[in-house]
Amino acid sequence: MSDVDAYQIEVEKNGRYDVVELMIGTVRGPRGKRNLYGEAHMRDLYTPRIYFKVQHVQSLEELFDRFMTQLIHRGFTPLRFRESTKTYWGDWSYIDLSRYDTEDLERAKERINFL
């Protein structure tokens, strides 16, 4: 598969910045078929613990995109990311939000402004 074993994503929500780490593993399915699996935990000011899980994907791109969709759905704005290999963290890269449906972010901002 790939040497990447984790992603760190810098996110913003309600004016608060945080970094969430998505750990990546390989799971063997039926007949030795390998699938990628991603898992992340984080805390939010209003939620004691948030658990993210991405499973049954074939490529790192699909895993990353599905995780970005989960973050956006929960009201987090992904800003930039970096990849980890077994030896070092890569450089930070900005995330192109135009690739994702950001309607959930817009609804979350409207709720905050309403209060």
PDB file of N, CA and C in Angstrom:
ATOM      1  N   MET A   1       0.836  -1.162   0.000  1.00  0.00           N
ATOM      2  CA  MET A   1       0.000   0.000   0.000  1.00  0.00           C
ATOM      3  C   MET A   1       0.895   1.243   0.000  1.00  0.00           C
ATOM      4  N   SER A   2       0.853   2.047   1.060  1.00  0.00           N
ATOM      5  CA  SER A   2       1.599   3.293   1.092  1.00  0.00           C
ATOM      6  C   SER A   2       2.379   3.404   2.395  1.00  0.00           C
ATOM      7  N   ASP A   3       3.355   4.294   2.401  1.00  0.00           N
ATOM      8  CA  ASP A   3       4.137   4.525   3.611  1.00  0.00           C
ATOM      9  C   ASP A   3       3.432   5.450   4.596  1.00  0.00           C
ATOM     10  N   VAL A   4       2.388   6.136   4.162  1.00  0.00           N
ATOM     11  CA  VAL A   4       1.684   7.077   5.041  1.00  0.00           C
ATOM     12  C   VAL A   4       0.934   6.284   6.104  1.00  0.00           C
ATOM     13  N   ASP A   5       1.163   6.635   7.391  1.00  0.00           N
ATOM     14  CA  ASP A   5       0.461   5.932   8.455  1.00  0.00           C
ATOM     15  C   ASP A   5      -0.413   6.848   9.304  1.00  0.00           C
ATOM     16  N   ALA A   6      -0.420   8.155   9.006  1.00  0.00           N
ATOM     17  CA  ALA A   6      -1.286   9.089   9.736  1.00  0.00           C
ATOM     18  C   ALA A   6      -1.374  10.420   8.997  1.00  0.00           C
ATOM     19  N   TYR A   7      -2.444  11.141   9.261  1.00  0.00           N
ATOM     20  CA  TYR A   7      -2.618  12.522   8.797  1.00  0.00           C
ATOM     21  C   TYR A   7      -2.851  13.397  10.022  1.00  0.00           C
ATOM     22  N   GLN A   8      -2.297  14.579  10.030  1.00  0.00           N
ATOM     23  CA  GLN A   8      -2.669  15.603  10.996  1.00  0.00           C
ATOM     24  C   GLN A   8      -3.406  16.675  10.220  1.00  0.00           C
ATOM     25  N   ILE A   9      -4.576  17.075  10.713  1.00  0.00           N
ATOM     26  CA  ILE A   9      -5.386  18.084  10.038  1.00  0.00           C
ATOM     27  C   ILE A   9      -5.644  19.217  11.030  1.00  0.00           C
ATOM     28  N   GLU A  10      -5.298  20.433  10.625  1.00  0.00           N
ATOM     29  CA  GLU A  10      -5.601  21.603  11.435  1.00  0.00           C
ATOM     30  C   GLU A  10      -7.019  22.046  11.089  1.00  0.00           C
ATOM     31  N   VAL A  11      -7.863  22.210  12.114  1.00  0.00           N
ATOM     32  CA  VAL A  11      -9.261  22.561  11.913  1.00  0.00           C
ATOM     33  C   VAL A  11      -9.610  23.793  12.746  1.00  0.00           C
ATOM     34  N   GLU A  12     -10.698  24.447  12.332  1.00  0.00           N
ATOM     35  CA  GLU A  12     -11.225  25.599  13.065  1.00  0.00           C
ATOM     36  C   GLU A  12     -12.710  25.382  13.279  1.00  0.00           C
ATOM     37  N   LYS A  13     -13.177  25.709  14.487  1.00  0.00           N
ATOM     38  CA  LYS A  13     -14.607  25.640  14.785  1.00  0.00           C
ATOM     39  C   LYS A  13     -14.906  26.671  15.864  1.00  0.00           C
ATOM     40  N   ASN A  14     -15.846  27.560  15.561  1.00  0.00           N
ATOM     41  CA  ASN A  14     -16.261  28.592  16.512  1.00  0.00           C
ATOM     42  C   ASN A  14     -15.085  29.461  16.971  1.00  0.00           C
ATOM     43  N   GLY A  15     -14.159  29.751  16.079  1.00  0.00           N
ATOM     44  CA  GLY A  15     -13.016  30.593  16.420  1.00  0.00           C
ATOM     45  C   GLY A  15     -11.926  29.884  17.194  1.00  0.00           C
ATOM     46  N   ARG A  16     -12.067  28.592  17.392  1.00  0.00           N
ATOM     47  CA  ARG A  16     -11.081  27.799  18.130  1.00  0.00           C
ATOM     48  C   ARG A  16     -10.343  26.883  17.151  1.00  0.00           C
ATOM     49  N   TYR A  17      -9.024  26.858  17.240  1.00  0.00           N
ATOM     50  CA  TYR A  17      -8.205  26.040  16.351  1.00  0.00           C
ATOM     51  C   TYR A  17      -7.714  24.811  17.093  1.00  0.00           C
ATOM     52  N   ASP A  18      -7.635  23.709  16.352  1.00  0.00           N
ATOM     53  CA  ASP A  18      -7.200  22.453  16.948  1.00  0.00           C
ATOM     54  C   ASP A  18      -6.553  21.601  15.866  1.00  0.00           C
ATOM     55  N   VAL A  19      -5.862  20.555  16.276  1.00  0.00           N
ATOM     56  CA  VAL A  19      -5.267  19.602  15.338  1.00  0.00           C
ATOM     57  C   VAL A  19      -5.797  18.223  15.693  1.00  0.00           C
ATOM     58  N   VAL A  20      -6.329  17.529  14.695  1.00  0.00           N
ATOM     59  CA  VAL A  20      -6.822  16.169  14.888  1.00  0.00           C
ATOM     60  C   VAL A  20      -5.926  15.238  14.082  1.00  0.00           C
ATOM     61  N   GLU A  21      -5.619  14.087  14.665  1.00  0.00           N
ATOM     62  CA  GLU A  21      -4.727  13.122  14.009  1.00  0.00           C
ATOM     63  C   GLU A  21      -5.514  11.882  13.610  1.00  0.00           C
ATOM     64  N   LEU A  22      -5.496  11.576  12.326  1.00  0.00           N
ATOM     65  CA  LEU A  22      -6.170  10.400  11.781  1.00  0.00           C
ATOM     66  C   LEU A  22      -5.137   9.292  11.608  1.00  0.00           C
ATOM     67  N   MET A  23      -5.257   8.242  12.403  1.00  0.00           N
ATOM     68  CA  MET A  23      -4.357   7.099  12.319  1.00  0.00           C
ATOM     69  C   MET A  23      -4.860   6.144  11.233  1.00  0.00           C
ATOM     70  N   ILE A  24      -3.946   5.617  10.440  1.00  0.00           N
ATOM     71  CA  ILE A  24      -4.303   4.768   9.306  1.00  0.00           C
ATOM     72  C   ILE A  24      -3.752   3.366   9.522  1.00  0.00           C
ATOM     73  N   GLY A  25      -4.576   2.383   9.232  1.00  0.00           N
ATOM     74  CA  GLY A  25      -4.149   0.999   9.326  1.00  0.00           C
ATOM     75  C   GLY A  25      -4.675   0.202   8.150  1.00  0.00           C
ATOM     76  N   THR A  26      -4.246  -1.025   8.055  1.00  0.00           N
ATOM     77  CA  THR A  26      -4.690  -1.928   6.999  1.00  0.00           C
ATOM     78  C   THR A  26      -5.447  -3.080   7.654  1.00  0.00           C
ATOM     79  N   VAL A  27      -6.605  -3.407   7.105  1.00  0.00           N
ATOM     80  CA  VAL A  27      -7.422  -4.498   7.614  1.00  0.00           C
ATOM     81  C   VAL A  27      -7.567  -5.523   6.504  1.00  0.00           C
ATOM     82  N   ARG A  28      -7.377  -6.777   6.845  1.00  0.00           N
ATOM     83  CA  ARG A  28      -7.568  -7.845   5.866  1.00  0.00           C
ATOM     84  C   ARG A  28      -9.024  -8.266   5.840  1.00  0.00           C
ATOM     85  N   GLY A  29      -9.580  -8.290   4.653  1.00  0.00           N
ATOM     86  CA  GLY A  29     -10.963  -8.702   4.481  1.00  0.00           C
ATOM     87  C   GLY A  29     -11.034 -10.138   4.016  1.00  0.00           C
ATOM     88  N   PRO A  30     -12.168 -10.536   3.462  1.00  0.00           N
ATOM     89  CA  PRO A  30     -12.323 -11.896   2.950  1.00  0.00           C
ATOM     90  C   PRO A  30     -11.302 -12.191   1.845  1.00  0.00           C
ATOM     91  N   ARG A  31     -10.818 -13.398   1.850  1.00  0.00           N
ATOM     92  CA  ARG A  31      -9.877 -13.879   0.821  1.00  0.00           C
ATOM     93  C   ARG A  31      -8.608 -13.048   0.752  1.00  0.00           C
ATOM     94  N   GLY A  32      -8.186 -12.481   1.882  1.00  0.00           N
ATOM     95  CA  GLY A  32      -6.923 -11.748   1.932  1.00  0.00           C
ATOM     96  C   GLY A  32      -6.966 -10.356   1.336  1.00  0.00           C
ATOM     97  N   LYS A  33      -8.153  -9.881   0.964  1.00  0.00           N
ATOM     98  CA  LYS A  33      -8.274  -8.543   0.391  1.00  0.00           C
ATOM     99  C   LYS A  33      -7.956  -7.505   1.467  1.00  0.00           C
ATOM    100  N   ARG A  34      -7.125  -6.521   1.116  1.00  0.00           N
ATOM    101  CA  ARG A  34      -6.733  -5.497   2.078  1.00  0.00           C
ATOM    102  C   ARG A  34      -7.525  -4.211   1.861  1.00  0.00           C
ATOM    103  N   ASN A  35      -7.993  -3.645   2.955  1.00  0.00           N
ATOM    104  CA  ASN A  35      -8.684  -2.364   2.940  1.00  0.00           C
ATOM    105  C   ASN A  35      -8.003  -1.426   3.919  1.00  0.00           C
ATOM    106  N   LEU A  36      -8.074  -0.134   3.635  1.00  0.00           N
ATOM    107  CA  LEU A  36      -7.549   0.863   4.552  1.00  0.00           C
ATOM    108  C   LEU A  36      -8.601   1.206   5.592  1.00  0.00           C
ATOM    109  N   TYR A  37      -8.134   1.585   6.757  1.00  0.00           N
ATOM    110  CA  TYR A  37      -8.993   1.906   7.882  1.00  0.00           C
ATOM    111  C   TYR A  37      -8.418   3.144   8.561  1.00  0.00           C
ATOM    112  N   GLY A  38      -9.250   4.102   8.897  1.00  0.00           N
ATOM    113  CA  GLY A  38      -8.795   5.294   9.584  1.00  0.00           C
ATOM    114  C   GLY A  38      -9.621   5.548  10.833  1.00  0.00           C
ATOM    115  N   GLU A  39      -8.953   6.070  11.870  1.00  0.00           N
ATOM    116  CA  GLU A  39      -9.625   6.301  13.130  1.00  0.00           C
ATOM    117  C   GLU A  39      -9.023   7.521  13.814  1.00  0.00           C
ATOM    118  N   ALA A  40      -9.871   8.383  14.369  1.00  0.00           N
ATOM    119  CA  ALA A  40      -9.403   9.578  15.076  1.00  0.00           C
ATOM    120  C   ALA A  40     -10.326   9.881  16.244  1.00  0.00           C
ATOM    121  N   HIS A  41      -9.752  10.432  17.293  1.00  0.00           N
ATOM    122  CA  HIS A  41     -10.495  10.876  18.463  1.00  0.00           C
ATOM    123  C   HIS A  41     -10.122  12.329  18.723  1.00  0.00           C
ATOM    124  N   MET A  42     -11.076  13.114  19.145  1.00  0.00           N
ATOM    125  CA  MET A  42     -10.766  14.471  19.559  1.00  0.00           C
ATOM    126  C   MET A  42     -11.823  14.957  20.526  1.00  0.00           C
ATOM    127  N   ARG A  43     -11.505  16.025  21.209  1.00  0.00           N
ATOM    128  CA  ARG A  43     -12.447  16.650  22.129  1.00  0.00           C
ATOM    129  C   ARG A  43     -12.864  17.988  21.549  1.00  0.00           C
ATOM    130  N   ASP A  44     -14.093  18.363  21.817  1.00  0.00           N
ATOM    131  CA  ASP A  44     -14.634  19.638  21.381  1.00  0.00           C
ATOM    132  C   ASP A  44     -15.149  20.362  22.627  1.00  0.00           C
ATOM    133  N   LEU A  45     -15.221  21.657  22.546  1.00  0.00           N
ATOM    134  CA  LEU A  45     -15.661  22.456  23.680  1.00  0.00           C
ATOM    135  C   LEU A  45     -17.047  22.034  24.168  1.00  0.00           C
ATOM    136  N   TYR A  46     -17.944  21.689  23.248  1.00  0.00           N
ATOM    137  CA  TYR A  46     -19.318  21.363  23.600  1.00  0.00           C
ATOM    138  C   TYR A  46     -19.607  19.867  23.601  1.00  0.00           C
ATOM    139  N   THR A  47     -18.664  19.050  23.160  1.00  0.00           N
ATOM    140  CA  THR A  47     -18.857  17.610  23.076  1.00  0.00           C
ATOM    141  C   THR A  47     -17.708  16.936  23.811  1.00  0.00           C
ATOM    142  N   PRO A  48     -17.979  16.073  24.777  1.00  0.00           N
ATOM    143  CA  PRO A  48     -16.881  15.460  25.539  1.00  0.00           C
ATOM    144  C   PRO A  48     -15.876  14.704  24.666  1.00  0.00           C
ATOM    145  N   ARG A  49     -16.334  13.954  23.688  1.00  0.00           N
ATOM    146  CA  ARG A  49     -15.420  13.207  22.825  1.00  0.00           C
ATOM    147  C   ARG A  49     -16.083  12.990  21.473  1.00  0.00           C
ATOM    148  N   ILE A  50     -15.307  13.192  20.420  1.00  0.00           N
ATOM    149  CA  ILE A  50     -15.800  12.938  19.070  1.00  0.00           C
ATOM    150  C   ILE A  50     -14.961  11.809  18.493  1.00  0.00           C
ATOM    151  N   TYR A  51     -15.616  10.827  17.918  1.00  0.00           N
ATOM    152  CA  TYR A  51     -14.949   9.659  17.359  1.00  0.00           C
ATOM    153  C   TYR A  51     -15.203   9.626  15.861  1.00  0.00           C
ATOM    154  N   PHE A  52     -14.135   9.583  15.093  1.00  0.00           N
ATOM    155  CA  PHE A  52     -14.223   9.508  13.637  1.00  0.00           C
ATOM    156  C   PHE A  52     -13.739   8.127  13.209  1.00  0.00           C
ATOM    157  N   LYS A  53     -14.455   7.539  12.254  1.00  0.00           N
ATOM    158  CA  LYS A  53     -14.062   6.216  11.768  1.00  0.00           C
ATOM    159  C   LYS A  53     -14.318   6.158  10.269  1.00  0.00           C
ATOM    160  N   VAL A  54     -13.306   5.766   9.522  1.00  0.00           N
ATOM    161  CA  VAL A  54     -13.422   5.576   8.073  1.00  0.00           C
ATOM    162  C   VAL A  54     -12.951   4.159   7.796  1.00  0.00           C
ATOM    163  N   GLN A  55     -13.777   3.390   7.117  1.00  0.00           N
ATOM    164  CA  GLN A  55     -13.388   2.003   6.848  1.00  0.00           C
ATOM    165  C   GLN A  55     -13.799   1.576   5.450  1.00  0.00           C
ATOM    166  N   HIS A  56     -13.237   0.462   5.015  1.00  0.00           N
ATOM    167  CA  HIS A  56     -13.552  -0.147   3.721  1.00  0.00           C
ATOM    168  C   HIS A  56     -13.233   0.783   2.549  1.00  0.00           C
ATOM    169  N   VAL A  57     -12.071   1.389   2.561  1.00  0.00           N
ATOM    170  CA  VAL A  57     -11.650   2.218   1.431  1.00  0.00           C
ATOM    171  C   VAL A  57     -10.432   1.577   0.787  1.00  0.00           C
ATOM    172  N   GLN A  58     -10.229   1.882  -0.497  1.00  0.00           N
ATOM    173  CA  GLN A  58      -9.167   1.255  -1.263  1.00  0.00           C
ATOM    174  C   GLN A  58      -7.923   2.123  -1.417  1.00  0.00           C
ATOM    175  N   SER A  59      -8.061   3.450  -1.249  1.00  0.00           N
ATOM    176  CA  SER A  59      -6.910   4.328  -1.482  1.00  0.00           C
ATOM    177  C   SER A  59      -6.827   5.402  -0.407  1.00  0.00           C
ATOM    178  N   LEU A  60      -5.646   5.982  -0.251  1.00  0.00           N
ATOM    179  CA  LEU A  60      -5.467   7.064   0.706  1.00  0.00           C
ATOM    180  C   LEU A  60      -6.295   8.285   0.347  1.00  0.00           C
ATOM    181  N   GLU A  61      -6.450   8.545  -0.956  1.00  0.00           N
ATOM    182  CA  GLU A  61      -7.246   9.699  -1.391  1.00  0.00           C
ATOM    183  C   GLU A  61      -8.700   9.554  -0.945  1.00  0.00           C
ATOM    184  N   GLU A  62      -9.255   8.355  -1.123  1.00  0.00           N
ATOM    185  CA  GLU A  62     -10.636   8.105  -0.712  1.00  0.00           C
ATOM    186  C   GLU A  62     -10.773   8.217   0.805  1.00  0.00           C
ATOM    187  N   LEU A  63      -9.815   7.694   1.548  1.00  0.00           N
ATOM    188  CA  LEU A  63      -9.835   7.775   3.000  1.00  0.00           C
ATOM    189  C   LEU A  63      -9.791   9.238   3.447  1.00  0.00           C
ATOM    190  N   PHE A  64      -8.898  10.025   2.864  1.00  0.00           N
ATOM    191  CA  PHE A  64      -8.759  11.438   3.214  1.00  0.00           C
ATOM    192  C   PHE A  64     -10.044  12.209   2.896  1.00  0.00           C
ATOM    193  N   ASP A  65     -10.616  11.967   1.721  1.00  0.00           N
ATOM    194  CA  ASP A  65     -11.844  12.668   1.324  1.00  0.00           C
ATOM    195  C   ASP A  65     -13.019  12.330   2.242  1.00  0.00           C
ATOM    196  N   ARG A  66     -13.155  11.075   2.607  1.00  0.00           N
ATOM    197  CA  ARG A  66     -14.249  10.684   3.497  1.00  0.00           C
ATOM    198  C   ARG A  66     -14.067  11.280   4.885  1.00  0.00           C
ATOM    199  N   PHE A  67     -12.822  11.390   5.338  1.00  0.00           N
ATOM    200  CA  PHE A  67     -12.568  12.006   6.638  1.00  0.00           C
ATOM    201  C   PHE A  67     -12.871  13.504   6.590  1.00  0.00           C
ATOM    202  N   MET A  68     -12.503  14.168   5.499  1.00  0.00           N
ATOM    203  CA  MET A  68     -12.812  15.599   5.357  1.00  0.00           C
ATOM    204  C   MET A  68     -14.319  15.821   5.381  1.00  0.00           C
ATOM    205  N   THR A  69     -15.067  14.934   4.736  1.00  0.00           N
ATOM    206  CA  THR A  69     -16.527  15.026   4.726  1.00  0.00           C
ATOM    207  C   THR A  69     -17.077  14.900   6.146  1.00  0.00           C
ATOM    208  N   GLN A  70     -16.528  13.993   6.952  1.00  0.00           N
ATOM    209  CA  GLN A  70     -16.971  13.836   8.336  1.00  0.00           C
ATOM    210  C   GLN A  70     -16.667  15.088   9.156  1.00  0.00           C
ATOM    211  N   LEU A  71     -15.475  15.645   8.978  1.00  0.00           N
ATOM    212  CA  LEU A  71     -15.114  16.866   9.715  1.00  0.00           C
ATOM    213  C   LEU A  71     -16.074  18.008   9.384  1.00  0.00           C
ATOM    214  N   ILE A  72     -16.305  18.210   8.093  1.00  0.00           N
ATOM    215  CA  ILE A  72     -17.185  19.298   7.651  1.00  0.00           C
ATOM    216  C   ILE A  72     -18.600  19.083   8.160  1.00  0.00           C
ATOM    217  N   HIS A  73     -19.077  17.844   8.129  1.00  0.00           N
ATOM    218  CA  HIS A  73     -20.425  17.533   8.616  1.00  0.00           C
ATOM    219  C   HIS A  73     -20.594  17.897  10.094  1.00  0.00           C
ATOM    220  N   ARG A  74     -19.528  17.777  10.865  1.00  0.00           N
ATOM    221  CA  ARG A  74     -19.588  18.088  12.293  1.00  0.00           C
ATOM    222  C   ARG A  74     -19.265  19.552  12.595  1.00  0.00           C
ATOM    223  N   GLY A  75     -19.153  20.375  11.537  1.00  0.00           N
ATOM    224  CA  GLY A  75     -18.968  21.811  11.734  1.00  0.00           C
ATOM    225  C   GLY A  75     -17.536  22.284  11.827  1.00  0.00           C
ATOM    226  N   PHE A  76     -16.569  21.412  11.570  1.00  0.00           N
ATOM    227  CA  PHE A  76     -15.166  21.801  11.586  1.00  0.00           C
ATOM    228  C   PHE A  76     -14.758  22.277  10.196  1.00  0.00           C
ATOM    229  N   THR A  77     -13.955  23.327  10.126  1.00  0.00           N
ATOM    230  CA  THR A  77     -13.411  23.800   8.862  1.00  0.00           C
ATOM    231  C   THR A  77     -11.971  23.311   8.757  1.00  0.00           C
ATOM    232  N   PRO A  78     -11.689  22.347   7.881  1.00  0.00           N
ATOM    233  CA  PRO A  78     -10.311  21.887   7.701  1.00  0.00           C
ATOM    234  C   PRO A  78      -9.495  22.977   7.009  1.00  0.00           C
ATOM    235  N   LEU A  79      -8.327  23.282   7.555  1.00  0.00           N
ATOM    236  CA  LEU A  79      -7.498  24.348   7.008  1.00  0.00           C
ATOM    237  C   LEU A  79      -6.274  23.818   6.266  1.00  0.00           C
ATOM    238  N   ARG A  80      -5.511  22.965   6.922  1.00  0.00           N
ATOM    239  CA  ARG A  80      -4.317  22.411   6.284  1.00  0.00           C
ATOM    240  C   ARG A  80      -4.019  21.045   6.890  1.00  0.00           C
ATOM    241  N   PHE A  81      -3.154  20.293   6.220  1.00  0.00           N
ATOM    242  CA  PHE A  81      -2.851  18.935   6.666  1.00  0.00           C
ATOM    243  C   PHE A  81      -1.389  18.605   6.395  1.00  0.00           C
ATOM    244  N   ARG A  82      -0.946  17.545   7.031  1.00  0.00           N
ATOM    245  CA  ARG A  82       0.367  16.973   6.726  1.00  0.00           C
ATOM    246  C   ARG A  82       0.310  15.472   6.948  1.00  0.00           C
ATOM    247  N   GLU A  83       1.180  14.763   6.239  1.00  0.00           N
ATOM    248  CA  GLU A  83       1.214  13.305   6.296  1.00  0.00           C
ATOM    249  C   GLU A  83       2.381  12.844   7.167  1.00  0.00           C
ATOM    250  N   SER A  84       2.198  11.695   7.774  1.00  0.00           N
ATOM    251  CA  SER A  84       3.260  11.090   8.553  1.00  0.00           C
ATOM    252  C   SER A  84       3.655   9.758   7.915  1.00  0.00           C
ATOM    253  N   THR A  85       4.947   9.554   7.808  1.00  0.00           N
ATOM    254  CA  THR A  85       5.450   8.226   7.473  1.00  0.00           C
ATOM    255  C   THR A  85       6.010   7.642   8.764  1.00  0.00           C
ATOM    256  N   LYS A  86       6.574   6.505   8.709  1.00  0.00           N
ATOM    257  CA  LYS A  86       7.101   5.895   9.924  1.00  0.00           C
ATOM    258  C   LYS A  86       8.285   6.668  10.495  1.00  0.00           C
ATOM    259  N   THR A  87       8.873   7.562   9.719  1.00  0.00           N
ATOM    260  CA  THR A  87      10.076   8.250  10.185  1.00  0.00           C
ATOM    261  C   THR A  87       9.910   9.744  10.442  1.00  0.00           C
ATOM    262  N   TYR A  88       8.989  10.431   9.762  1.00  0.00           N
ATOM    263  CA  TYR A  88       8.884  11.882   9.955  1.00  0.00           C
ATOM    264  C   TYR A  88       7.533  12.411   9.482  1.00  0.00           C
ATOM    265  N   TRP A  89       7.216  13.639   9.953  1.00  0.00           N
ATOM    266  CA  TRP A  89       6.037  14.361   9.478  1.00  0.00           C
ATOM    267  C   TRP A  89       6.444  15.198   8.281  1.00  0.00           C
ATOM    268  N   GLY A  90       5.578  15.240   7.270  1.00  0.00           N
ATOM    269  CA  GLY A  90       5.827  16.058   6.086  1.00  0.00           C
ATOM    270  C   GLY A  90       5.488  17.518   6.337  1.00  0.00           C
ATOM    271  N   ASP A  91       5.595  18.321   5.302  1.00  0.00           N
ATOM    272  CA  ASP A  91       5.264  19.737   5.389  1.00  0.00           C
ATOM    273  C   ASP A  91       3.750  19.931   5.369  1.00  0.00           C
ATOM    274  N   TRP A  92       3.307  21.064   5.939  1.00  0.00           N
ATOM    275  CA  TRP A  92       1.887  21.400   5.929  1.00  0.00           C
ATOM    276  C   TRP A  92       1.468  21.829   4.538  1.00  0.00           C
ATOM    277  N   SER A  93       0.295  21.399   4.111  1.00  0.00           N
ATOM    278  CA  SER A  93      -0.305  21.796   2.834  1.00  0.00           C
ATOM    279  C   SER A  93      -1.730  22.282   3.109  1.00  0.00           C
ATOM    280  N   TYR A  94      -2.147  23.315   2.375  1.00  0.00           N
ATOM    281  CA  TYR A  94      -3.501  23.840   2.548  1.00  0.00           C
ATOM    282  C   TYR A  94      -4.510  22.939   1.856  1.00  0.00           C
ATOM    283  N   ILE A  95      -5.712  22.873   2.413  1.00  0.00           N
ATOM    284  CA  ILE A  95      -6.785  22.027   1.894  1.00  0.00           C
ATOM    285  C   ILE A  95      -7.680  22.864   0.996  1.00  0.00           C
ATOM    286  N   ASP A  96      -7.966  22.345  -0.193  1.00  0.00           N
ATOM    287  CA  ASP A  96      -8.852  23.007  -1.140  1.00  0.00           C
ATOM    288  C   ASP A  96     -10.293  22.621  -0.802  1.00  0.00           C
ATOM    289  N   LEU A  97     -11.003  23.522  -0.117  1.00  0.00           N
ATOM    290  CA  LEU A  97     -12.375  23.224   0.313  1.00  0.00           C
ATOM    291  C   LEU A  97     -13.369  23.203  -0.839  1.00  0.00           C
ATOM    292  N   SER A  98     -12.989  23.719  -1.998  1.00  0.00           N
ATOM    293  CA  SER A  98     -13.926  23.719  -3.133  1.00  0.00           C
ATOM    294  C   SER A  98     -14.218  22.299  -3.616  1.00  0.00           C
ATOM    295  N   ARG A  99     -13.428  21.332  -3.199  1.00  0.00           N
ATOM    296  CA  ARG A  99     -13.655  19.935  -3.584  1.00  0.00           C
ATOM    297  C   ARG A  99     -14.768  19.283  -2.763  1.00  0.00           C
ATOM    298  N   TYR A 100     -15.185  19.933  -1.686  1.00  0.00           N
ATOM    299  CA  TYR A 100     -16.126  19.322  -0.748  1.00  0.00           C
ATOM    300  C   TYR A 100     -17.418  20.124  -0.659  1.00  0.00           C
ATOM    301  N   ASP A 101     -18.480  19.454  -0.257  1.00  0.00           N
ATOM    302  CA  ASP A 101     -19.766  20.097  -0.035  1.00  0.00           C
ATOM    303  C   ASP A 101     -19.705  20.784   1.331  1.00  0.00           C
ATOM    304  N   THR A 102     -19.718  22.109   1.337  1.00  0.00           N
ATOM    305  CA  THR A 102     -19.561  22.855   2.586  1.00  0.00           C
ATOM    306  C   THR A 102     -20.880  23.422   3.107  1.00  0.00           C
ATOM    307  N   GLU A 103     -22.004  22.885   2.666  1.00  0.00           N
ATOM    308  CA  GLU A 103     -23.302  23.365   3.149  1.00  0.00           C
ATOM    309  C   GLU A 103     -23.438  23.202   4.658  1.00  0.00           C
ATOM    310  N   ASP A 104     -22.882  22.113   5.217  1.00  0.00           N
ATOM    311  CA  ASP A 104     -22.958  21.905   6.662  1.00  0.00           C
ATOM    312  C   ASP A 104     -22.238  23.014   7.410  1.00  0.00           C
ATOM    313  N   LEU A 105     -21.120  23.481   6.867  1.00  0.00           N
ATOM    314  CA  LEU A 105     -20.394  24.586   7.504  1.00  0.00           C
ATOM    315  C   LEU A 105     -21.223  25.861   7.482  1.00  0.00           C
ATOM    316  N   GLU A 106     -21.864  26.120   6.368  1.00  0.00           N
ATOM    317  CA  GLU A 106     -22.688  27.325   6.255  1.00  0.00           C
ATOM    318  C   GLU A 106     -23.851  27.279   7.248  1.00  0.00           C
ATOM    319  N   ARG A 107     -24.491  26.116   7.391  1.00  0.00           N
ATOM    320  CA  ARG A 107     -25.592  25.985   8.349  1.00  0.00           C
ATOM    321  C   ARG A 107     -25.101  26.182   9.782  1.00  0.00           C
ATOM    322  N   ALA A 108     -23.928  25.647  10.095  1.00  0.00           N
ATOM    323  CA  ALA A 108     -23.374  25.802  11.446  1.00  0.00           C
ATOM    324  C   ALA A 108     -23.077  27.272  11.736  1.00  0.00           C
ATOM    325  N   LYS A 109     -22.541  28.000  10.761  1.00  0.00           N
ATOM    326  CA  LYS A 109     -22.256  29.425  10.955  1.00  0.00           C
ATOM    327  C   LYS A 109     -23.542  30.215  11.148  1.00  0.00           C
ATOM    328  N   GLU A 110     -24.593  29.862  10.429  1.00  0.00           N
ATOM    329  CA  GLU A 110     -25.881  30.545  10.586  1.00  0.00           C
ATOM    330  C   GLU A 110     -26.437  30.319  11.995  1.00  0.00           C
ATOM    331  N   ARG A 111     -26.295  29.105  12.532  1.00  0.00           N
ATOM    332  CA  ARG A 111     -26.785  28.819  13.887  1.00  0.00           C
ATOM    333  C   ARG A 111     -26.007  29.632  14.912  1.00  0.00           C
ATOM    334  N   ILE A 112     -24.704  29.739  14.750  1.00  0.00           N
ATOM    335  CA  ILE A 112     -23.880  30.495  15.688  1.00  0.00           C
ATOM    336  C   ILE A 112     -24.247  31.969  15.646  1.00  0.00           C
ATOM    337  N   ASN A 113     -24.418  32.526  14.466  1.00  0.00           N
ATOM    338  CA  ASN A 113     -24.768  33.937  14.338  1.00  0.00           C
ATOM    339  C   ASN A 113     -26.165  34.219  14.870  1.00  0.00           C
ATOM    340  N   PHE A 114     -27.048  33.238  14.819  1.00  0.00           N
ATOM    341  CA  PHE A 114     -28.411  33.400  15.318  1.00  0.00           C
ATOM    342  C   PHE A 114     -28.408  33.541  16.842  1.00  0.00           C
ATOM    343  N   LEU A 115     -27.529  32.778  17.487  1.00  0.00           N
ATOM    344  CA  LEU A 115     -27.470  32.801  18.958  1.00  0.00           C
ATOM    345  C   LEU A 115     -26.816  34.079  19.369  1.00  0.00           C
TER     346      LEU A 115
END
